[in-house]
Amino acid sequence: MKKIILFISCCLLFSSVQATTSPDWLQHSLDIAKKIKIDKSLIHVKPTEEQRKLAAELLQSSRKITSRAMVKKEAGKITNPAKRLYKKAKTFIFLSFSIPESQLKSIINTMDTDGSTAGLIQGLKKGMNITQTMNYLQSLLKNKKNQPSVFINPAPFKKYSIDVAPTILQPTKNGFISAAGIVNRNWLDEQRKAGKKDYLGKYGTTYPVIEENLIDVMKRRMAAIDPEKEKQKMIANYWKERHFETLQPAQKDRAYLIDPSLHIMKDIRTPDGILVARKGQVINPLDRAPLTKTIVIFNPNRQAELRYVKAMSDRFYKKTRGMILIATQIQRKNGWQVLKNLRAKLKYPIYLLSKAVEVRFHLKVTPTVISEQGKKLKMEEIHVSNL
């Protein structure tokens, strides 16, 4: 079984995963999310003990983190392109939604658009989620093409103890220089060149920073999670939310061969730089993981297909060449009991078809039987009504 999973994993391998630098708790969530991502290529719906532990660990880290993209969004929208812009900034203007909208709009639209100045918000606008908050900030921009950089990033507020807005700040080699109630970067440049440093004082009207630190919000929500309750909720909702890949029944018998070889378009390396495959290389997964079992993709909701697979399982059971059964659909009502009954009837574990497997093996109809023939995959589409 391990070799079969390795074979399917090889076929689906070449998509890279990278994580940005994050706090320890966030990196922990990213690591968990990456593990979940790998497991999604072919889901065995009866979780192993390792999968159960992984699910519990994920629930302890986050309520809704189901992908690395969501983790990055909740951490502050600083993904790769935005992170480069953020690093380019030399001057930061700390903002808050407590500033009257007309004034906030004026401040944002007078900021430099070359990336040298960045606006920072500590958290979400009251009553809005992160996407709504970003859309609101977008609505304040006059020029939709050349836009100033504005980030939701709570860390600098804590680092520099910013509690009023607007505050302008420039990091320096030995600390920083800042002033409140003013957003004139040229003025701050002059003060820095004159040898001034640290907080220079208040030079205009300021407003309190009213947004709660976004990271603090996330930590509080994570701490409030009941892992066991969330796990039971996930199990209860699994079949309701599960997406099934729909394949049509085969209308005729057809057999053909496909070459599973992968043509590498560019060098592929692990995050720590180890070369996995070179550009121009051709890799046949069957060289590394021979297909020693017969794969059958079928729809158990169609009785003719179920009878066909039952006859196959009776023939293959306890023989050297076993089977891997992949179902395209399961009845949603009482799904767990239906699955249990199927396992007992067919004598083999039941996997669920994922989109990645459907696309990789060019699946069109059910039942389809896949076996190895001379370093190629033999695909047999069976018209079960002929039986």
Protein backbone atom coordinates (compact mmCIF):
# COMPACT_ATOMS: atom_id res chain seq x y z
CA MET A 1 0.00 0.00 0.00
CA LYS A 2 2.86 2.41 0.81
CA LYS A 3 4.29 1.93 -2.69
CA ILE A 4 0.92 2.72 -4.28
CA ILE A 5 0.53 5.90 -2.28
CA LEU A 6 4.14 6.77 -3.19
CA PHE A 7 3.33 6.22 -6.89
CA ILE A 8 0.29 8.51 -6.74
CA SER A 9 2.28 11.05 -4.72
CA CYS A 10 5.03 11.02 -7.37
CA CYS A 11 2.44 11.73 -10.04
CA LEU A 12 1.15 14.71 -8.09
CA LEU A 13 4.45 15.87 -6.56
CA PHE A 14 5.62 18.84 -8.56
CA SER A 15 3.94 21.82 -6.90
CA SER A 16 6.13 23.85 -4.54
CA VAL A 17 5.21 25.07 -1.05
CA GLN A 18 7.02 27.96 0.60
CA ALA A 19 6.33 29.78 3.86
CA THR A 20 7.19 33.35 4.74
CA THR A 21 8.99 34.27 7.95
CA SER A 22 6.36 34.26 10.71
CA PRO A 23 6.05 34.13 14.51
CA ASP A 24 6.53 30.67 16.02
CA TRP A 25 2.83 30.02 16.58
CA LEU A 26 2.01 31.02 13.02
CA GLN A 27 4.86 28.96 11.57
CA HIS A 28 3.50 26.01 13.52
CA SER A 29 0.12 26.49 11.83
CA LEU A 30 1.77 26.79 8.42
CA ASP A 31 3.65 23.53 8.96
CA ILE A 32 0.42 21.75 9.89
CA ALA A 33 -1.43 23.23 6.93
CA LYS A 34 1.32 21.99 4.59
CA LYS A 35 0.91 18.45 5.92
CA ILE A 36 -2.83 18.62 5.34
CA LYS A 37 -2.22 19.90 1.79
CA ILE A 38 -0.08 16.88 0.93
CA ASP A 39 -2.66 14.44 2.29
CA LYS A 40 -5.45 15.95 0.15
CA SER A 41 -4.20 14.42 -3.12
CA LEU A 42 -5.82 11.09 -2.20
CA ILE A 43 -8.02 11.03 0.88
CA HIS A 44 -8.65 7.84 2.78
CA VAL A 45 -11.84 8.66 4.64
CA LYS A 46 -11.04 6.40 7.60
CA PRO A 47 -8.42 8.47 9.46
CA THR A 48 -5.34 6.76 10.85
CA GLU A 49 -4.13 7.47 14.38
CA GLU A 50 -1.47 9.79 12.92
CA GLN A 51 -4.16 11.68 10.96
CA ARG A 52 -6.30 11.99 14.10
CA LYS A 53 -3.38 13.50 16.02
CA LEU A 54 -2.66 15.84 13.12
CA ALA A 55 -6.31 16.98 13.03
CA ALA A 56 -6.29 17.65 16.77
CA GLU A 57 -3.03 19.58 16.46
CA LEU A 58 -4.47 21.66 13.66
CA LEU A 59 -7.57 22.47 15.69
CA GLN A 60 -5.46 23.58 18.63
CA SER A 61 -3.61 26.00 16.36
CA SER A 62 -6.48 27.57 14.44
CA ARG A 63 -10.24 27.38 13.99
CA LYS A 64 -10.47 27.92 10.28
CA ILE A 65 -6.95 27.40 8.90
CA THR A 66 -7.40 24.89 6.09
CA SER A 67 -4.69 26.13 3.76
CA ARG A 68 -1.47 28.05 3.91
CA ALA A 69 -3.09 30.91 1.94
CA MET A 70 -5.66 31.51 4.65
CA VAL A 71 -2.95 31.53 7.31
CA LYS A 72 -1.03 34.20 5.43
CA LYS A 73 -4.16 36.32 4.93
CA GLU A 74 -5.03 36.27 8.61
CA ALA A 75 -1.43 37.10 9.52
CA GLY A 76 -1.58 40.42 7.72
CA LYS A 77 -1.81 40.05 3.96
CA ILE A 78 1.99 40.18 3.68
CA THR A 79 2.49 37.49 1.02
CA ASN A 80 5.42 37.48 -1.37
CA PRO A 81 4.75 40.57 -3.60
CA ALA A 82 3.45 42.62 -0.67
CA LYS A 83 6.36 41.56 1.50
CA ARG A 84 8.81 42.91 -1.09
CA LEU A 85 6.93 46.23 -1.11
CA TYR A 86 6.96 46.34 2.68
CA LYS A 87 10.72 45.79 2.82
CA LYS A 88 11.23 48.62 0.33
CA ALA A 89 9.53 51.17 2.60
CA LYS A 90 11.80 53.54 4.57
CA THR A 91 9.06 55.67 6.16
CA PHE A 92 5.96 54.39 7.94
CA ILE A 93 2.75 56.25 8.70
CA PHE A 94 0.74 54.64 11.48
CA LEU A 95 -2.99 55.01 10.88
CA SER A 96 -6.25 54.16 12.62
CA PHE A 97 -9.89 54.02 11.64
CA SER A 98 -10.54 56.50 14.45
CA ILE A 99 -9.23 59.20 12.08
CA PRO A 100 -12.21 60.84 10.31
CA GLU A 101 -12.72 59.20 6.94
CA SER A 102 -12.11 62.37 4.91
CA GLN A 103 -8.79 62.97 6.71
CA LEU A 104 -7.77 59.31 6.47
CA LYS A 105 -8.51 59.40 2.75
CA SER A 106 -6.42 62.56 2.35
CA ILE A 107 -3.45 61.07 4.23
CA ILE A 108 -3.45 57.86 2.19
CA ASN A 109 -3.74 59.64 -1.15
CA THR A 110 -0.87 62.04 -0.40
CA MET A 111 1.53 59.19 0.43
CA ASP A 112 4.30 58.38 -2.05
CA THR A 113 3.36 55.69 -4.57
CA ASP A 114 6.92 54.52 -5.24
CA GLY A 115 6.89 52.20 -2.22
CA SER A 116 9.24 54.33 -0.12
CA THR A 117 6.40 55.14 2.30
CA ALA A 118 3.94 52.62 3.73
CA GLY A 119 0.77 53.11 5.74
CA LEU A 120 0.14 50.70 8.61
CA ILE A 121 -3.09 49.62 10.29
CA GLN A 122 -3.01 47.59 13.52
CA GLY A 123 -6.19 45.58 13.03
CA LEU A 124 -9.60 45.28 11.42
CA LYS A 125 -12.22 47.97 11.00
CA LYS A 126 -15.03 47.39 13.49
CA GLY A 127 -17.64 44.96 12.19
CA MET A 128 -15.48 43.88 9.22
CA ASN A 129 -13.34 40.86 8.43
CA ILE A 130 -9.92 41.15 6.80
CA THR A 131 -11.21 41.08 3.22
CA GLN A 132 -13.85 43.72 3.94
CA THR A 133 -11.25 45.87 5.70
CA MET A 134 -8.89 45.70 2.72
CA ASN A 135 -11.76 46.48 0.34
CA TYR A 136 -12.66 49.51 2.46
CA LEU A 137 -9.08 50.79 2.33
CA GLN A 138 -9.11 50.22 -1.44
CA SER A 139 -12.25 52.35 -1.72
CA LEU A 140 -10.39 55.30 -0.20
CA LEU A 141 -7.87 55.41 -3.05
CA LYS A 142 -8.35 58.02 -5.75
CA ASN A 143 -5.87 56.61 -8.27
CA LYS A 144 -6.53 52.93 -8.88
CA LYS A 145 -3.36 52.44 -10.96
CA ASN A 146 -0.55 54.08 -8.95
CA GLN A 147 -1.49 53.17 -5.42
CA PRO A 148 0.26 53.89 -2.13
CA SER A 149 1.18 50.89 0.00
CA VAL A 150 -1.09 50.21 2.99
CA PHE A 151 -0.68 47.10 5.14
CA ILE A 152 -2.51 45.52 8.04
CA ASN A 153 0.53 44.80 10.20
CA PRO A 154 0.19 44.98 13.99
CA ALA A 155 3.81 44.12 14.90
CA PRO A 156 5.33 47.65 14.41
CA PHE A 157 2.61 49.19 16.61
CA LYS A 158 3.78 47.00 19.47
CA LYS A 159 7.47 47.36 18.65
CA TYR A 160 7.38 51.19 18.71
CA SER A 161 4.56 51.55 21.30
CA ILE A 162 2.32 53.47 18.89
CA ASP A 163 -1.02 54.37 20.48
CA VAL A 164 -2.06 57.52 18.54
CA ALA A 165 -2.49 58.22 14.81
CA PRO A 166 -1.33 59.58 12.53
CA THR A 167 2.26 58.96 13.57
CA ILE A 168 5.16 59.11 11.14
CA LEU A 169 8.29 57.05 11.82
CA GLN A 170 11.59 56.18 10.17
CA PRO A 171 13.71 53.31 11.51
CA THR A 172 17.40 54.23 11.88
CA LYS A 173 20.58 52.26 12.53
CA ASN A 174 20.46 53.07 16.24
CA GLY A 175 16.70 53.21 16.77
CA PHE A 176 14.09 55.44 15.15
CA ILE A 177 12.78 58.97 14.71
CA SER A 178 9.05 59.71 14.90
CA ALA A 179 6.45 62.40 15.46
CA ALA A 180 2.68 62.38 16.02
CA GLY A 181 0.00 64.46 14.33
CA ILE A 182 2.10 65.01 11.21
CA VAL A 183 2.65 62.99 8.01
CA ASN A 184 5.23 65.13 6.17
CA ARG A 185 8.09 62.83 5.20
CA ASN A 186 10.34 65.69 3.98
CA TRP A 187 10.06 67.40 7.37
CA LEU A 188 11.00 64.18 9.16
CA ASP A 189 13.96 63.73 6.78
CA GLU A 190 15.22 67.19 7.77
CA GLN A 191 14.89 66.44 11.48
CA ARG A 192 16.82 63.19 11.07
CA LYS A 193 19.60 64.90 9.07
CA ALA A 194 19.80 67.53 11.81
CA GLY A 195 20.73 64.77 14.24
CA LYS A 196 17.41 64.45 16.04
CA LYS A 197 16.15 61.03 17.07
CA ASP A 198 13.51 59.09 19.00
CA TYR A 199 10.05 60.57 19.56
CA LEU A 200 9.96 64.29 18.71
CA GLY A 201 6.50 65.00 20.14
CA LYS A 202 3.06 65.93 18.90
CA TYR A 203 2.72 68.42 16.02
CA GLY A 204 -0.98 68.25 15.21
CA THR A 205 -4.29 66.58 15.96
CA THR A 206 -4.09 62.90 16.85
CA TYR A 207 -6.61 60.14 17.42
CA PRO A 208 -6.33 56.97 19.53
CA VAL A 209 -5.44 53.70 17.84
CA ILE A 210 -8.73 51.87 18.45
CA GLU A 211 -8.14 48.65 16.53
CA GLU A 212 -7.27 45.58 18.55
CA ASN A 213 -3.94 44.01 17.60
CA LEU A 214 -4.80 41.44 14.94
CA ILE A 215 -2.34 38.84 16.23
CA ASP A 216 -3.75 39.18 19.75
CA VAL A 217 -7.24 38.61 18.33
CA MET A 218 -6.10 35.45 16.57
CA LYS A 219 -4.30 34.10 19.64
CA ARG A 220 -7.37 34.69 21.80
CA ARG A 221 -9.62 32.90 19.33
CA MET A 222 -7.24 29.97 19.09
CA ALA A 223 -7.03 29.66 22.87
CA ALA A 224 -10.83 29.52 23.09
CA ILE A 225 -11.11 26.54 20.74
CA ASP A 226 -12.35 23.22 22.11
CA PRO A 227 -10.43 20.73 19.91
CA GLU A 228 -12.71 17.77 20.68
CA LYS A 229 -15.86 19.77 19.96
CA GLU A 230 -14.42 21.10 16.71
CA LYS A 231 -13.30 17.62 15.68
CA GLN A 232 -16.79 16.22 16.24
CA LYS A 233 -18.27 19.12 14.26
CA MET A 234 -15.90 18.42 11.36
CA ILE A 235 -16.84 14.73 11.38
CA ALA A 236 -20.57 15.55 11.49
CA ASN A 237 -20.33 18.01 8.61
CA TYR A 238 -17.93 16.00 6.47
CA TRP A 239 -20.43 14.47 4.06
CA LYS A 240 -22.52 17.62 3.85
CA GLU A 241 -19.51 19.67 2.73
CA ARG A 242 -17.63 17.00 0.78
CA HIS A 243 -17.26 17.73 -2.96
CA PHE A 244 -17.55 14.72 -5.24
CA GLU A 245 -16.00 14.38 -8.70
CA THR A 246 -18.75 13.30 -11.09
CA LEU A 247 -17.83 10.88 -13.90
CA GLN A 248 -20.26 9.48 -16.44
CA PRO A 249 -20.88 5.70 -16.75
CA ALA A 250 -18.88 4.00 -19.51
CA GLN A 251 -20.94 3.47 -22.67
CA LYS A 252 -18.56 0.96 -24.25
CA ASP A 253 -15.52 -1.13 -23.42
CA ARG A 254 -12.28 0.65 -24.21
CA ALA A 255 -8.63 -0.04 -23.37
CA TYR A 256 -5.59 2.16 -23.98
CA LEU A 257 -2.13 2.93 -22.58
CA ILE A 258 -0.87 6.21 -21.11
CA ASP A 259 2.69 7.21 -20.35
CA PRO A 260 2.83 8.68 -16.80
CA SER A 261 6.26 10.23 -17.39
CA LEU A 262 6.77 13.77 -16.12
CA HIS A 263 8.75 16.27 -18.22
CA ILE A 264 10.44 18.69 -15.81
CA MET A 265 10.18 22.28 -17.08
CA LYS A 266 12.49 23.82 -14.46
CA ASP A 267 14.71 22.74 -11.58
CA ILE A 268 12.71 21.66 -8.56
CA ARG A 269 14.25 22.05 -5.12
CA THR A 270 13.08 21.53 -1.57
CA PRO A 271 12.81 24.66 0.67
CA ASP A 272 16.32 23.93 2.01
CA GLY A 273 17.80 23.83 -1.51
CA ILE A 274 18.11 20.09 -2.18
CA LEU A 275 17.66 19.33 -5.88
CA VAL A 276 14.69 17.03 -6.50
CA ALA A 277 14.61 17.14 -10.32
CA ARG A 278 16.52 18.94 -13.06
CA LYS A 279 15.08 20.97 -15.94
CA GLY A 280 14.68 18.74 -19.00
CA GLN A 281 14.66 15.54 -16.96
CA VAL A 282 11.99 12.93 -17.73
CA ILE A 283 10.76 10.98 -14.71
CA ASN A 284 8.53 7.95 -14.90
CA PRO A 285 6.97 7.36 -11.45
CA LEU A 286 6.70 3.65 -12.28
CA ASP A 287 10.53 3.41 -12.19
CA ARG A 288 10.51 4.51 -8.55
CA ALA A 289 7.22 3.03 -7.38
CA PRO A 290 5.88 0.13 -9.50
CA LEU A 291 2.11 -0.22 -9.51
CA THR A 292 1.74 -3.60 -7.80
CA LYS A 293 -2.00 -3.37 -7.22
CA THR A 294 -4.96 -2.85 -9.52
CA ILE A 295 -6.71 0.50 -9.11
CA VAL A 296 -10.47 0.59 -9.69
CA ILE A 297 -12.36 3.87 -9.93
CA PHE A 298 -16.10 3.35 -9.61
CA ASN A 299 -19.37 4.89 -8.47
CA PRO A 300 -20.87 2.71 -5.70
CA ASN A 301 -24.20 4.53 -6.05
CA ARG A 302 -24.68 2.69 -9.38
CA GLN A 303 -25.69 -0.87 -8.57
CA ALA A 304 -24.28 -2.37 -11.78
CA GLU A 305 -20.85 -0.92 -11.00
CA LEU A 306 -21.05 -2.08 -7.41
CA ARG A 307 -21.81 -5.64 -8.54
CA TYR A 308 -18.87 -5.54 -10.96
CA VAL A 309 -16.43 -4.34 -8.29
CA LYS A 310 -17.79 -6.91 -5.82
CA ALA A 311 -17.03 -9.68 -8.32
CA MET A 312 -13.51 -8.29 -8.78
CA SER A 313 -12.89 -8.05 -5.04
CA ASP A 314 -14.00 -11.65 -4.53
CA ARG A 315 -11.54 -12.69 -7.24
CA PHE A 316 -8.62 -10.59 -5.98
CA TYR A 317 -9.08 -10.87 -2.21
CA LYS A 318 -6.11 -12.45 -0.42
CA LYS A 319 -4.26 -12.86 -3.72
CA THR A 320 -0.79 -11.44 -4.38
CA ARG A 321 -2.12 -8.65 -6.58
CA GLY A 322 -4.57 -6.72 -4.45
CA MET A 323 -6.83 -3.78 -5.28
CA ILE A 324 -7.19 -0.09 -4.49
CA LEU A 325 -10.80 1.02 -4.65
CA ILE A 326 -11.50 4.70 -5.33
CA ALA A 327 -15.12 5.85 -5.13
CA THR A 328 -16.36 8.88 -7.02
CA GLN A 329 -19.39 9.34 -4.76
CA ILE A 330 -20.85 8.20 -1.45
CA GLN A 331 -24.45 8.73 -0.33
CA ARG A 332 -24.39 11.84 1.86
CA LYS A 333 -27.12 10.66 4.22
CA ASN A 334 -25.55 8.34 6.83
CA GLY A 335 -22.30 8.59 4.86
CA TRP A 336 -20.11 7.00 7.55
CA GLN A 337 -22.40 3.97 7.89
CA VAL A 338 -22.64 3.61 4.10
CA LEU A 339 -18.85 3.67 3.90
CA LYS A 340 -18.53 1.09 6.66
CA ASN A 341 -20.97 -1.22 4.85
CA LEU A 342 -19.06 -0.79 1.58
CA ARG A 343 -15.78 -1.74 3.24
CA ALA A 344 -17.36 -4.86 4.71
CA LYS A 345 -18.95 -5.82 1.38
CA LEU A 346 -15.89 -5.24 -0.81
CA LYS A 347 -13.22 -6.35 1.73
CA TYR A 348 -10.94 -3.38 0.86
CA PRO A 349 -10.51 0.17 2.17
CA ILE A 350 -12.40 2.80 0.16
CA TYR A 351 -10.70 5.98 -1.02
CA LEU A 352 -12.45 9.06 -2.41
CA LEU A 353 -11.53 10.44 -5.82
CA SER A 354 -9.86 13.86 -5.76
CA LYS A 355 -9.75 16.32 -8.64
CA ALA A 356 -5.96 16.00 -8.79
CA VAL A 357 -6.14 12.24 -9.36
CA GLU A 358 -8.96 12.63 -11.89
CA VAL A 359 -6.92 15.10 -13.95
CA ARG A 360 -3.58 13.28 -13.62
CA PHE A 361 -5.03 9.99 -14.89
CA HIS A 362 -7.34 11.60 -17.49
CA LEU A 363 -10.38 9.89 -15.98
CA LYS A 364 -13.64 10.31 -17.90
CA VAL A 365 -15.94 7.41 -17.01
CA THR A 366 -16.59 4.69 -14.44
CA PRO A 367 -15.70 2.01 -13.83
CA THR A 368 -12.08 2.46 -14.93
CA VAL A 369 -9.48 -0.18 -14.09
CA ILE A 370 -5.81 0.88 -13.97
CA SER A 371 -2.85 -1.51 -13.99
CA GLU A 372 0.81 -1.40 -15.04
CA GLN A 373 1.93 -2.73 -18.40
CA GLY A 374 5.51 -2.24 -19.53
CA LYS A 375 6.22 0.97 -17.61
CA LYS A 376 2.94 2.41 -18.86
CA LEU A 377 -0.52 2.53 -17.34
CA LYS A 378 -3.14 0.32 -18.90
CA MET A 379 -6.53 2.05 -18.68
CA GLU A 380 -9.64 -0.11 -19.11
CA GLU A 381 -13.09 1.47 -19.28
CA ILE A 382 -15.78 -1.14 -18.62
CA HIS A 383 -19.36 -1.02 -19.90
CA VAL A 384 -20.91 -2.89 -16.98
CA SER A 385 -24.33 -3.43 -18.57
CA ASN A 386 -22.60 -5.95 -20.90
CA LEU A 387 -21.87 -8.21 -17.95
